[in-house]
Amino acid sequence: MARYIFITGGVVSSLGKGLASAALGALLQARGFSVRLRKLDPYLNVDPGTMSPFEHGEVFVTDDGAETDLDLGHYERFTGVPCRRTDSVSAGRIYTNVLEKERNGDYLGKTIQVIPHVTNEIKDWLAIGEDETDFMLCEIGGTVGDIEGLPFFEAIRQFMQQRPKGDCILMHLTLLPYLAASHELKTKPTQHSVKELRSIGLQPDILVCRTEHPIPESERAKIALFCNVREEAVIPAMDLPSIYKAPIAYHEVGLDQAVLDAFGISPAPKPQLDRWRDVAERIDNPDGEVRIAVVGKYVKLEDAYKSLAEALTHGGFANRVKVRAEWIDAEIFEREDAAPHLQGFHAILVPGGFGERGTEGKIRAAQFARERRVPYLGICLGMQMAVIEAARNLAGLGRAGSQEFDHEAGGGRFEHVVYHMSEWVEGNTVVRRKAGDAKGGTMRLGAYDAILTPGSRVAEIYGALTISERHRHRYEVDSKYMKRLEETGLRFSGLSPDGALPEIVEIPDHPWFVGVQFHPELKSKPFAPHPLFADFVRAAMEQSRLV
């Protein structure tokens, strides 16, 4: 049975619980243990799929089609373990399950209450897959003291109390603020945060303290004394120049050893950290730099494109260069000429998105890349905009557009080169959708195969003719336009196995121009960069020698 590590946060949000969890998972892996990480979010949305990127950041999609918190992206990138639908749950999902059971009569007429029914549902969720791994790391979203988090904290209190002694520990992240006027790190917020935890029956075994300055030994001893933890279990977490230095940094301050000591695992295997040292070396010693313009619509919040930013960094690792991604609002190109903004970049990337806002700007970015022969990668909506650009400017379809935009604004302004998918094949089942269906969980979600054209650029990049990639979209390039578009020089080099859905488009007579309907960034890792991003950055390097 798995040993459980519960990770909570206090004082303020956004301390890096997800990163600390992911780094700890990587360290336990480096010692030879198997790990699984999961996230419990107290918000009442069933999942983040219908939440604005400005509200919640990126929606990370798993192979089995779950729309989850962006922290699951950290988990996968650091451990290489594919997350599943069961690795993410919200209060909304828990309450939905409880209410569905009540409606079905499963509770035999009982009065439904937070305790025991909601907490039991959470505990049942925690126990899924516990016989498949050595360590289960469970991060609780939000901050201790938040009213919506109380059922989750009570559930883990019960869970820890009901398990055999030594099977569960609690790791709590807090902030040590620095007062410049007095040149002091203040421990009182951490003390109050732990006091809040203890008031609901939870005692931390390990404290991870985020800080901008080293923690003096006297302050470390003070924290240990007043928070009732061992001094060696007070772990400093300094700010780092790269998140990929976190596993080594946490190892050097003793986090993994403190966890093993808390479980009484001794002697423990020594960690094999060679791949993380190699990543750190590539960060510290790049052979050059490339500038890549990311033309998107959520550029004011970089977390909206978190996996994308990390995949570009990984592409840099593969080529031993630093990638400087610069975020440009696509709406600018609807008012101004794109050329002055895009000249000097070594490559252009247009990511996914929803709705019409900014799409004309994305189309102009694709046109600039095509005409100026600048490497271009279009992802999801970015592929669709590249196809619409070619349809308008090469195939003579002046009204080419997406059905999505007519659905949004009404009317029939466009010829629908991109249309709303009404059905597709999922395994052995045909899935059918209508434009008026509920929004949550109704897209084409998760991993699907694609068949690549022999001799195409993407077949060469992947080194395979069958690939599997993750999708998240409702709209698709209409295959009835494929022949006409290919006559202009485009090549649809990847299709769904039944040949009905275009998955990849490229321009063979171009230094590097690829659009993909899926999201390759979701599968990229620092020690295993996605081949599309690795080759895209390579093409940017080639372009840098020409600029």
Protein backbone atom coordinates (compact mmCIF):
# COMPACT_ATOMS: atom_id res chain seq x y z
CA MET A 1 0.00 0.00 0.00
CA ALA A 2 1.15 3.52 -0.74
CA ARG A 3 2.56 5.86 1.85
CA TYR A 4 0.77 9.23 1.73
CA ILE A 5 2.30 12.70 1.77
CA PHE A 6 -0.25 15.51 2.11
CA ILE A 7 0.96 18.95 1.00
CA THR A 8 -0.82 22.04 2.32
CA GLY A 9 -0.11 25.77 2.17
CA GLY A 10 -0.44 28.68 4.53
CA VAL A 11 0.00 32.44 4.95
CA VAL A 12 -0.55 33.31 1.26
CA SER A 13 -1.46 31.52 -1.96
CA SER A 14 0.88 30.89 -4.92
CA LEU A 15 3.80 29.79 -2.76
CA GLY A 16 4.67 26.93 -5.10
CA LYS A 17 3.00 23.90 -3.53
CA GLY A 18 2.68 22.31 -6.96
CA LEU A 19 6.34 22.82 -7.74
CA ALA A 20 7.43 21.58 -4.30
CA SER A 21 5.23 18.49 -4.72
CA ALA A 22 6.62 17.82 -8.19
CA ALA A 23 10.23 18.28 -7.06
CA LEU A 24 9.69 15.97 -4.09
CA GLY A 25 8.17 13.38 -6.41
CA ALA A 26 11.24 13.63 -8.65
CA LEU A 27 13.56 13.18 -5.65
CA LEU A 28 11.70 10.09 -4.43
CA GLN A 29 11.89 8.69 -7.96
CA ALA A 30 15.62 9.40 -7.99
CA ARG A 31 15.90 7.18 -4.91
CA GLY A 32 14.17 4.33 -6.71
CA PHE A 33 10.59 4.73 -5.43
CA SER A 34 7.48 4.91 -7.60
CA VAL A 35 5.26 7.96 -7.14
CA ARG A 36 1.86 9.32 -8.11
CA LEU A 37 0.78 12.89 -7.54
CA ARG A 38 -2.73 14.26 -7.28
CA LYS A 39 -4.44 17.57 -6.65
CA LEU A 40 -7.53 18.33 -4.56
CA ASP A 41 -9.03 21.76 -5.32
CA PRO A 42 -11.64 23.34 -3.01
CA TYR A 43 -13.39 25.44 -5.68
CA LEU A 44 -16.96 24.53 -6.64
CA ASN A 45 -16.40 24.22 -10.39
CA VAL A 46 -16.62 20.56 -11.38
CA ASP A 47 -13.31 21.05 -13.19
CA PRO A 48 -11.38 24.06 -14.58
CA GLY A 49 -12.53 23.36 -18.15
CA THR A 50 -15.06 26.20 -18.25
CA MET A 51 -12.94 28.69 -16.29
CA SER A 52 -11.31 31.68 -17.98
CA PRO A 53 -7.52 31.44 -18.41
CA PHE A 54 -7.33 34.83 -16.69
CA GLU A 55 -9.16 33.31 -13.73
CA HIS A 56 -7.30 30.05 -13.37
CA GLY A 57 -4.45 29.85 -15.85
CA GLU A 58 -3.90 26.90 -18.13
CA VAL A 59 -6.19 23.89 -18.27
CA PHE A 60 -3.97 20.82 -18.36
CA VAL A 61 -5.44 17.85 -20.25
CA THR A 62 -4.60 14.23 -19.44
CA ASP A 63 -4.41 11.28 -21.82
CA ASP A 64 -7.77 10.02 -20.60
CA GLY A 65 -9.46 13.35 -21.33
CA ALA A 66 -9.66 15.09 -17.97
CA GLU A 67 -9.46 18.89 -17.81
CA THR A 68 -7.35 19.58 -14.74
CA ASP A 69 -5.35 22.11 -12.77
CA LEU A 70 -2.07 23.37 -14.25
CA ASP A 71 -0.17 21.83 -11.31
CA LEU A 72 -0.69 18.43 -12.93
CA GLY A 73 1.53 19.73 -15.71
CA HIS A 74 4.29 20.26 -13.15
CA TYR A 75 3.74 16.73 -11.85
CA GLU A 76 4.13 15.21 -15.31
CA ARG A 77 7.07 17.38 -16.34
CA PHE A 78 9.06 16.54 -13.20
CA THR A 79 8.25 12.85 -12.84
CA GLY A 80 7.34 11.69 -16.34
CA VAL A 81 4.34 9.83 -14.83
CA PRO A 82 1.23 10.49 -16.97
CA CYS A 83 -1.55 11.90 -14.83
CA ARG A 84 -5.01 10.38 -14.93
CA ARG A 85 -8.56 11.57 -14.45
CA THR A 86 -8.38 10.26 -10.87
CA ASP A 87 -5.44 12.54 -10.06
CA SER A 88 -7.52 15.71 -9.98
CA VAL A 89 -10.70 16.41 -8.06
CA SER A 90 -12.54 19.57 -7.05
CA ALA A 91 -15.11 20.28 -4.38
CA GLY A 92 -17.59 20.65 -7.23
CA ARG A 93 -16.89 17.10 -8.42
CA ILE A 94 -17.12 15.73 -4.86
CA TYR A 95 -20.45 17.44 -4.18
CA THR A 96 -21.78 16.36 -7.58
CA ASN A 97 -20.93 12.74 -6.80
CA VAL A 98 -22.57 12.96 -3.36
CA LEU A 99 -25.74 14.55 -4.73
CA GLU A 100 -26.00 12.02 -7.55
CA LYS A 101 -25.75 9.20 -4.99
CA GLU A 102 -28.43 10.88 -2.88
CA ARG A 103 -30.74 11.15 -5.90
CA ASN A 104 -30.13 7.48 -6.67
CA GLY A 105 -31.04 6.49 -3.13
CA ASP A 106 -27.59 5.14 -2.33
CA TYR A 107 -27.67 6.64 1.19
CA LEU A 108 -30.88 4.82 2.11
CA GLY A 109 -32.73 7.89 3.31
CA LYS A 110 -29.95 9.32 5.49
CA THR A 111 -29.60 13.06 6.03
CA ILE A 112 -26.70 14.10 3.79
CA GLN A 113 -24.02 16.05 5.64
CA VAL A 114 -20.45 17.25 5.11
CA ILE A 115 -19.41 14.71 7.75
CA PRO A 116 -19.51 11.83 6.98
CA HIS A 117 -20.78 11.89 3.39
CA VAL A 118 -18.61 14.56 1.77
CA THR A 119 -15.51 13.60 3.74
CA ASN A 120 -16.05 9.92 2.95
CA GLU A 121 -16.27 10.77 -0.76
CA ILE A 122 -12.95 12.62 -0.52
CA LYS A 123 -11.34 9.70 1.35
CA ASP A 124 -12.60 7.24 -1.25
CA TRP A 125 -11.02 9.41 -3.94
CA LEU A 126 -7.71 9.50 -2.07
CA ALA A 127 -7.59 5.71 -1.89
CA ILE A 128 -7.96 5.14 -5.66
CA GLY A 129 -4.85 3.39 -6.97
CA GLU A 130 -3.12 3.18 -3.61
CA ASP A 131 -1.86 -0.33 -4.38
CA GLU A 132 -0.07 0.83 -7.54
CA THR A 133 2.68 3.03 -6.14
CA ASP A 134 5.13 3.49 -3.26
CA PHE A 135 4.25 7.11 -2.50
CA MET A 136 1.04 9.07 -3.10
CA LEU A 137 1.60 12.83 -2.94
CA CYS A 138 -1.65 14.75 -2.49
CA GLU A 139 -1.66 18.53 -2.76
CA ILE A 140 -4.56 20.45 -1.21
CA GLY A 141 -5.28 23.63 -3.17
CA GLY A 142 -5.83 26.97 -1.52
CA THR A 143 -4.61 28.12 1.89
CA VAL A 144 -5.31 26.79 5.37
CA GLY A 145 -8.10 28.86 6.88
CA ASP A 146 -10.09 29.14 3.64
CA ILE A 147 -13.66 28.16 4.45
CA GLU A 148 -14.10 26.11 1.26
CA GLY A 149 -11.05 23.99 2.12
CA LEU A 150 -12.34 22.79 5.50
CA PRO A 151 -14.00 19.57 4.22
CA PHE A 152 -10.71 18.57 2.57
CA PHE A 153 -8.64 19.25 5.67
CA GLU A 154 -11.12 17.29 7.79
CA ALA A 155 -11.04 14.44 5.27
CA ILE A 156 -7.25 14.15 5.37
CA ARG A 157 -7.35 14.37 9.18
CA GLN A 158 -9.70 11.39 9.26
CA PHE A 159 -7.70 9.59 6.56
CA MET A 160 -4.42 9.97 8.49
CA GLN A 161 -6.06 8.91 11.74
CA GLN A 162 -7.58 5.79 10.19
CA ARG A 163 -4.40 4.58 8.47
CA PRO A 164 -1.72 2.53 10.23
CA LYS A 165 0.73 4.68 12.19
CA GLY A 166 3.59 5.86 10.01
CA ASP A 167 1.69 5.58 6.72
CA CYS A 168 0.94 9.30 6.32
CA ILE A 169 2.79 12.56 6.85
CA LEU A 170 1.87 16.21 6.37
CA MET A 171 4.13 18.76 4.65
CA HIS A 172 3.12 22.41 5.07
CA LEU A 173 4.40 25.30 2.93
CA THR A 174 4.53 28.76 4.46
CA LEU A 175 6.08 32.16 3.78
CA LEU A 176 8.80 33.84 5.82
CA PRO A 177 8.40 37.51 4.87
CA TYR A 178 11.46 39.75 5.05
CA LEU A 179 11.18 43.21 6.60
CA ALA A 180 13.80 45.38 4.92
CA ALA A 181 13.51 48.14 7.54
CA SER A 182 14.61 45.84 10.36
CA HIS A 183 16.57 43.34 8.21
CA GLU A 184 14.57 40.46 9.68
CA LEU A 185 12.81 37.33 8.53
CA LYS A 186 9.54 37.11 10.41
CA THR A 187 8.39 33.72 11.67
CA LYS A 188 5.08 34.80 13.19
CA PRO A 189 2.96 34.21 10.03
CA THR A 190 4.31 30.65 9.89
CA GLN A 191 3.51 30.12 13.56
CA HIS A 192 -0.05 31.33 13.05
CA SER A 193 -0.48 29.15 9.97
CA VAL A 194 0.60 26.05 11.88
CA LYS A 195 -1.63 27.07 14.79
CA GLU A 196 -4.55 27.20 12.33
CA LEU A 197 -3.70 23.71 11.11
CA ARG A 198 -3.41 22.33 14.63
CA SER A 199 -6.78 23.85 15.54
CA ILE A 200 -8.39 21.50 13.00
CA GLY A 201 -6.44 18.47 14.18
CA LEU A 202 -3.47 18.50 11.78
CA GLN A 203 0.15 18.64 12.87
CA PRO A 204 2.80 19.18 10.18
CA ASP A 205 5.71 16.77 10.09
CA ILE A 206 7.71 18.96 7.69
CA LEU A 207 7.68 22.72 7.17
CA VAL A 208 8.86 24.13 3.85
CA CYS A 209 9.50 27.84 4.27
CA ARG A 210 9.56 30.05 1.17
CA THR A 211 12.05 32.85 1.64
CA GLU A 212 14.10 35.36 -0.29
CA HIS A 213 16.94 35.20 2.23
CA PRO A 214 18.76 32.37 4.05
CA ILE A 215 17.14 31.32 7.33
CA PRO A 216 19.50 31.87 10.30
CA GLU A 217 19.92 28.81 12.50
CA SER A 218 18.39 30.71 15.42
CA GLU A 219 15.22 31.37 13.40
CA ARG A 220 15.09 27.78 12.19
CA ALA A 221 15.28 26.58 15.80
CA LYS A 222 12.57 29.06 16.79
CA ILE A 223 10.24 27.80 14.04
CA ALA A 224 10.87 24.19 15.09
CA LEU A 225 10.16 24.96 18.75
CA PHE A 226 6.97 26.94 18.26
CA CYS A 227 5.58 24.81 15.44
CA ASN A 228 6.40 21.48 17.13
CA VAL A 229 8.51 20.01 14.34
CA ARG A 230 12.07 18.70 14.32
CA GLU A 231 14.65 21.34 13.43
CA GLU A 232 15.99 19.28 10.51
CA ALA A 233 12.42 19.16 9.17
CA VAL A 234 12.31 22.96 8.75
CA ILE A 235 13.28 23.21 5.09
CA PRO A 236 14.25 26.54 3.48
CA ALA A 237 12.94 27.10 -0.04
CA MET A 238 14.88 29.93 -1.64
CA ASP A 239 13.87 31.61 -4.89
CA LEU A 240 15.56 29.96 -7.89
CA PRO A 241 16.52 31.19 -11.38
CA SER A 242 14.76 28.17 -12.93
CA ILE A 243 12.11 25.81 -11.63
CA TYR A 244 14.16 22.91 -13.02
CA LYS A 245 16.81 23.53 -10.38
CA ALA A 246 14.24 22.76 -7.67
CA PRO A 247 14.92 19.00 -7.31
CA ILE A 248 18.64 19.52 -6.68
CA ALA A 249 18.02 22.59 -4.51
CA TYR A 250 15.49 20.74 -2.34
CA HIS A 251 17.83 17.75 -2.07
CA GLU A 252 20.69 19.98 -0.92
CA VAL A 253 18.59 21.40 1.92
CA GLY A 254 17.43 17.91 2.95
CA LEU A 255 13.76 17.74 1.90
CA ASP A 256 13.84 14.16 0.61
CA GLN A 257 15.84 13.01 3.64
CA ALA A 258 13.38 14.70 6.00
CA VAL A 259 10.50 12.86 4.28
CA LEU A 260 12.25 9.49 4.53
CA ASP A 261 13.08 10.16 8.19
CA ALA A 262 9.44 11.03 8.90
CA PHE A 263 8.43 7.64 7.49
CA GLY A 264 11.28 5.86 9.29
CA ILE A 265 12.78 4.61 6.02
CA SER A 266 16.41 3.88 6.84
CA PRO A 267 18.73 3.13 5.23
CA ALA A 268 17.36 4.71 2.04
CA PRO A 269 18.76 4.35 -1.47
CA LYS A 270 21.03 7.22 -2.53
CA PRO A 271 19.45 9.52 -5.14
CA GLN A 272 20.51 9.34 -8.78
CA LEU A 273 20.27 12.96 -9.89
CA ASP A 274 22.32 12.84 -13.08
CA ARG A 275 19.47 13.85 -15.37
CA TRP A 276 18.64 16.86 -13.20
CA ARG A 277 22.31 17.87 -13.11
CA ASP A 278 22.37 17.64 -16.90
CA VAL A 279 19.28 19.89 -17.10
CA ALA A 280 20.91 22.39 -14.71
CA GLU A 281 24.08 22.39 -16.80
CA ARG A 282 22.09 23.18 -19.95
CA ILE A 283 20.37 26.05 -18.13
CA ASP A 284 23.66 27.52 -16.93
CA ASN A 285 25.71 27.04 -20.12
CA PRO A 286 23.63 27.72 -23.25
CA ASP A 287 25.49 28.07 -26.54
CA GLY A 288 23.31 30.93 -27.72
CA GLU A 289 19.86 32.52 -27.61
CA VAL A 290 16.82 32.60 -29.89
CA ARG A 291 13.88 35.00 -29.81
CA ILE A 292 10.43 33.51 -30.38
CA ALA A 293 7.28 35.62 -30.66
CA VAL A 294 4.21 34.03 -29.06
CA VAL A 295 1.19 35.77 -30.59
CA GLY A 296 -1.77 35.01 -28.33
CA LYS A 297 -4.83 36.46 -26.65
CA TYR A 298 -4.13 35.65 -22.97
CA VAL A 299 -0.63 37.14 -22.89
CA LYS A 300 -1.29 39.27 -19.80
CA LEU A 301 -1.22 36.08 -17.71
CA GLU A 302 1.69 33.81 -18.60
CA ASP A 303 0.14 30.95 -16.57
CA ALA A 304 -2.49 30.75 -19.33
CA TYR A 305 0.26 29.27 -21.52
CA LYS A 306 2.27 27.53 -18.80
CA SER A 307 2.94 24.23 -20.59
CA LEU A 308 3.71 26.12 -23.79
CA ALA A 309 6.34 28.29 -22.11
CA GLU A 310 7.92 25.23 -20.51
CA ALA A 311 7.91 23.25 -23.77
CA LEU A 312 9.79 26.10 -25.49
CA THR A 313 12.32 26.00 -22.66
CA HIS A 314 12.67 22.25 -23.16
CA GLY A 315 13.22 22.80 -26.88
CA GLY A 316 16.06 25.09 -25.85
CA PHE A 317 17.53 22.36 -23.65
CA ALA A 318 17.49 19.97 -26.61
CA ASN A 319 19.52 22.46 -28.67
CA ARG A 320 21.62 23.89 -25.83
CA VAL A 321 20.26 27.40 -26.38
CA LYS A 322 18.27 29.81 -24.26
CA VAL A 323 14.79 30.49 -25.61
CA ARG A 324 13.56 34.02 -25.02
CA ALA A 325 9.81 33.85 -25.56
CA GLU A 326 8.20 37.28 -25.97
CA TRP A 327 4.43 37.50 -25.57
CA ILE A 328 2.58 39.69 -28.06
CA ASP A 329 -1.13 40.49 -27.90
CA ALA A 330 -2.69 39.36 -31.18
CA GLU A 331 -5.15 42.27 -31.10
CA ILE A 332 -2.29 44.68 -31.82
CA PHE A 333 -2.08 43.30 -35.36
CA GLU A 334 -5.74 44.14 -35.95
CA ARG A 335 -4.84 47.84 -35.54
CA GLU A 336 -1.25 47.94 -36.74
CA ASP A 337 1.01 46.36 -39.34
CA ALA A 338 2.49 43.11 -38.00
CA ALA A 339 5.88 43.57 -39.66
CA PRO A 340 7.44 46.12 -37.25
CA HIS A 341 6.43 43.97 -34.28
CA LEU A 342 7.65 40.65 -35.71
CA GLN A 343 10.84 41.65 -37.51
CA GLY A 344 13.90 40.37 -35.71
CA PHE A 345 12.23 37.31 -34.22
CA HIS A 346 13.70 33.95 -35.15
CA ALA A 347 10.35 32.10 -35.04
CA ILE A 348 6.65 32.73 -34.47
CA LEU A 349 4.27 30.59 -32.43
CA VAL A 350 0.49 31.05 -32.41
CA PRO A 351 -1.13 29.06 -29.56
CA GLY A 352 -4.66 27.88 -28.90
CA GLY A 353 -7.57 29.91 -27.62
CA PHE A 354 -11.33 30.29 -27.73
CA GLY A 355 -13.55 32.93 -29.30
CA GLU A 356 -13.09 35.46 -32.08
CA ARG A 357 -11.16 38.14 -30.20
CA GLY A 358 -7.64 38.46 -31.55
CA THR A 359 -8.07 35.93 -34.35
CA GLU A 360 -7.56 38.38 -37.22
CA GLY A 361 -4.26 39.32 -35.58
CA LYS A 362 -3.28 35.66 -35.41
CA ILE A 363 -4.12 35.28 -39.10
CA ARG A 364 -1.80 38.20 -39.91
CA ALA A 365 0.97 36.66 -37.82
CA ALA A 366 0.60 33.42 -39.81
CA GLN A 367 0.68 35.41 -43.05
CA PHE A 368 3.85 37.22 -41.98
CA ALA A 369 5.54 33.89 -41.14
CA ARG A 370 4.49 32.31 -44.44
CA GLU A 371 5.46 35.22 -46.66
CA ARG A 372 8.68 36.14 -44.84
CA ARG A 373 9.70 32.47 -44.51
CA VAL A 374 10.01 32.67 -40.72
CA PRO A 375 9.62 29.36 -38.82
CA TYR A 376 6.01 29.03 -37.66
CA LEU A 377 4.28 26.68 -35.23
CA GLY A 378 0.50 26.91 -34.93
CA ILE A 379 -1.19 24.98 -32.14
CA CYS A 380 -4.94 24.20 -32.17
CA LEU A 381 -6.48 27.60 -33.02
CA GLY A 382 -3.04 28.58 -34.34
CA MET A 383 -3.30 25.81 -36.94
CA GLN A 384 -6.83 26.85 -37.86
CA MET A 385 -5.76 30.49 -38.34
CA ALA A 386 -2.90 29.40 -40.62
CA VAL A 387 -5.35 27.38 -42.73
CA ILE A 388 -7.81 30.29 -42.91
CA GLU A 389 -4.97 32.62 -43.93
CA ALA A 390 -3.99 30.28 -46.77
CA ALA A 391 -7.63 29.84 -47.81
CA ARG A 392 -8.11 33.61 -48.07
CA ASN A 393 -4.80 34.61 -49.62
CA LEU A 394 -3.81 31.56 -51.68
CA ALA A 395 -7.01 29.62 -52.46
CA GLY A 396 -9.18 32.63 -53.28
CA LEU A 397 -11.73 32.02 -50.49
CA GLY A 398 -12.04 35.62 -49.35
CA ARG A 399 -14.76 34.85 -46.78
CA ALA A 400 -12.91 31.92 -45.23
CA GLY A 401 -13.36 31.74 -41.45
CA SER A 402 -14.47 29.59 -38.57
CA GLN A 403 -17.98 28.54 -37.67
CA GLU A 404 -16.98 29.31 -34.08
CA PHE A 405 -17.04 33.02 -34.84
CA ASP A 406 -20.48 32.88 -36.44
CA HIS A 407 -21.76 30.90 -33.45
CA GLU A 408 -20.35 33.59 -31.17
CA ALA A 409 -21.63 36.68 -32.99
CA GLY A 410 -24.52 35.24 -34.97
CA GLY A 411 -25.07 35.56 -38.70
CA GLY A 412 -23.24 33.95 -41.58
CA ARG A 413 -20.22 36.17 -42.15
CA PHE A 414 -17.80 33.37 -43.06
CA GLU A 415 -17.34 30.41 -45.34
CA HIS A 416 -16.66 27.72 -42.78
CA VAL A 417 -13.25 26.32 -43.62
CA VAL A 418 -13.21 25.48 -39.89
CA TYR A 419 -16.43 23.90 -38.62
CA HIS A 420 -18.03 22.65 -35.40
CA MET A 421 -17.32 18.95 -34.97
CA SER A 422 -20.59 17.05 -34.78
CA GLU A 423 -19.07 13.58 -34.41
CA TRP A 424 -15.77 11.79 -34.07
CA VAL A 425 -14.51 8.32 -33.21
CA GLU A 426 -13.34 7.68 -29.64
CA GLY A 427 -12.01 4.12 -29.35
CA ASN A 428 -14.81 1.93 -30.65
CA THR A 429 -17.49 4.58 -30.06
CA VAL A 430 -18.81 7.42 -32.21
CA VAL A 431 -19.18 10.59 -30.11
CA ARG A 432 -21.84 13.07 -31.24
CA ARG A 433 -22.08 16.71 -30.19
CA LYS A 434 -24.29 19.69 -31.04
CA ALA A 435 -23.28 23.35 -30.89
CA GLY A 436 -25.89 23.98 -28.18
CA ASP A 437 -24.63 21.26 -25.83
CA ALA A 438 -23.45 22.12 -22.32
CA LYS A 439 -19.89 23.47 -22.33
CA GLY A 440 -18.26 21.43 -19.58
CA GLY A 441 -16.35 18.34 -20.72
CA THR A 442 -17.95 18.25 -24.18
CA MET A 443 -14.91 18.98 -26.34
CA ARG A 444 -12.74 16.42 -28.09
CA LEU A 445 -10.52 15.76 -25.09
CA GLY A 446 -7.51 13.57 -24.41
CA ALA A 447 -5.15 11.39 -26.41
CA TYR A 448 -5.98 10.40 -29.99
CA ASP A 449 -3.84 8.74 -32.65
CA ALA A 450 -2.83 10.42 -35.88
CA ILE A 451 -1.37 8.86 -39.02
CA LEU A 452 1.50 10.79 -40.64
CA THR A 453 2.32 10.97 -44.35
CA PRO A 454 5.55 9.12 -45.21
CA GLY A 455 8.28 11.53 -46.24
CA SER A 456 6.62 14.55 -44.61
CA ARG A 457 8.47 16.95 -42.32
CA VAL A 458 6.49 15.82 -39.27
CA ALA A 459 7.13 12.13 -40.01
CA GLU A 460 10.84 12.96 -40.05
CA ILE A 461 10.58 14.96 -36.82
CA TYR A 462 8.68 12.25 -34.94
CA GLY A 463 10.58 9.36 -36.54
CA ALA A 464 7.25 7.51 -36.72
CA LEU A 465 4.12 7.26 -38.85
CA THR A 466 1.64 6.80 -35.99
CA ILE A 467 1.61 9.23 -33.06
CA SER A 468 -0.61 9.90 -30.05
CA GLU A 469 -1.26 13.45 -28.89
CA ARG A 470 -3.68 15.24 -26.56
CA HIS A 471 -6.58 17.31 -27.87
CA ARG A 472 -8.87 20.00 -26.50
CA HIS A 473 -11.11 21.56 -29.12
CA ARG A 474 -14.62 21.74 -30.59
CA TYR A 475 -13.75 23.04 -34.04
CA GLU A 476 -11.82 21.34 -36.82
CA VAL A 477 -10.54 22.14 -40.31
CA ASP A 478 -13.16 20.85 -42.78
CA SER A 479 -11.62 18.03 -44.80
CA LYS A 480 -13.67 18.98 -47.87
CA TYR A 481 -11.28 21.92 -48.38
CA MET A 482 -8.13 19.82 -48.15
CA LYS A 483 -7.66 19.22 -51.88
CA ARG A 484 -8.16 22.87 -52.78
CA LEU A 485 -5.74 24.01 -50.10
CA GLU A 486 -3.14 21.42 -51.07
CA GLU A 487 -3.24 22.78 -54.62
CA THR A 488 -1.89 26.07 -53.18
CA GLY A 489 1.15 24.38 -51.59
CA LEU A 490 -0.14 23.29 -48.18
CA ARG A 491 0.18 19.64 -47.21
CA PHE A 492 -2.09 17.86 -44.74
CA SER A 493 0.56 15.51 -43.41
CA GLY A 494 -1.35 14.09 -40.44
CA LEU A 495 -4.89 12.72 -40.33
CA SER A 496 -7.05 10.84 -37.85
CA PRO A 497 -6.90 7.05 -38.38
CA ASP A 498 -10.20 7.12 -40.30
CA GLY A 499 -8.89 9.93 -42.53
CA ALA A 500 -11.78 12.24 -41.60
CA LEU A 501 -10.04 14.81 -39.39
CA PRO A 502 -6.99 16.88 -40.43
CA GLU A 503 -4.48 16.79 -37.57
CA ILE A 504 -1.37 18.43 -39.08
CA VAL A 505 -0.72 20.87 -41.89
CA GLU A 506 2.70 21.92 -43.17
CA ILE A 507 4.21 23.87 -46.05
CA PRO A 508 6.95 21.76 -47.65
CA ASP A 509 8.37 24.74 -49.56
CA HIS A 510 9.13 26.70 -46.40
CA PRO A 511 12.04 26.59 -43.91
CA TRP A 512 9.67 25.40 -41.17
CA PHE A 513 5.88 25.85 -41.17
CA VAL A 514 3.76 23.40 -39.17
CA GLY A 515 0.25 23.62 -37.69
CA VAL A 516 -1.13 20.96 -35.37
CA GLN A 517 -4.70 20.51 -34.10
CA PHE A 518 -3.49 18.93 -30.85
CA HIS A 519 -1.42 20.29 -27.93
CA PRO A 520 2.12 18.85 -28.09
CA GLU A 521 3.25 21.09 -25.22
CA LEU A 522 1.31 18.92 -22.76
CA LYS A 523 3.70 15.98 -23.23
CA SER A 524 7.04 17.81 -23.18
CA LYS A 525 9.49 17.31 -20.31
CA PRO A 526 12.84 18.91 -19.45
CA PHE A 527 14.68 15.60 -19.78
CA ALA A 528 12.57 14.52 -22.81
CA PRO A 529 11.70 17.60 -24.91
CA HIS A 530 8.81 17.13 -27.32
CA PRO A 531 10.23 16.49 -30.81
CA LEU A 532 8.11 19.24 -32.41
CA PHE A 533 9.42 21.86 -29.99
CA ALA A 534 12.98 20.56 -30.24
CA ASP A 535 12.91 20.87 -34.04
CA PHE A 536 11.05 24.20 -33.95
CA VAL A 537 13.80 25.69 -31.78
CA ARG A 538 16.41 24.14 -34.08
CA ALA A 539 14.72 25.92 -37.00
CA ALA A 540 14.76 29.16 -34.97
CA MET A 541 18.51 28.69 -34.49
CA GLU A 542 18.93 28.36 -38.25
CA GLN A 543 16.86 31.50 -38.75
CA SER A 544 18.96 33.39 -36.19
CA ARG A 545 21.97 32.96 -38.44
CA LEU A 546 20.05 34.64 -41.28
CA VAL A 547 18.61 37.60 -39.38
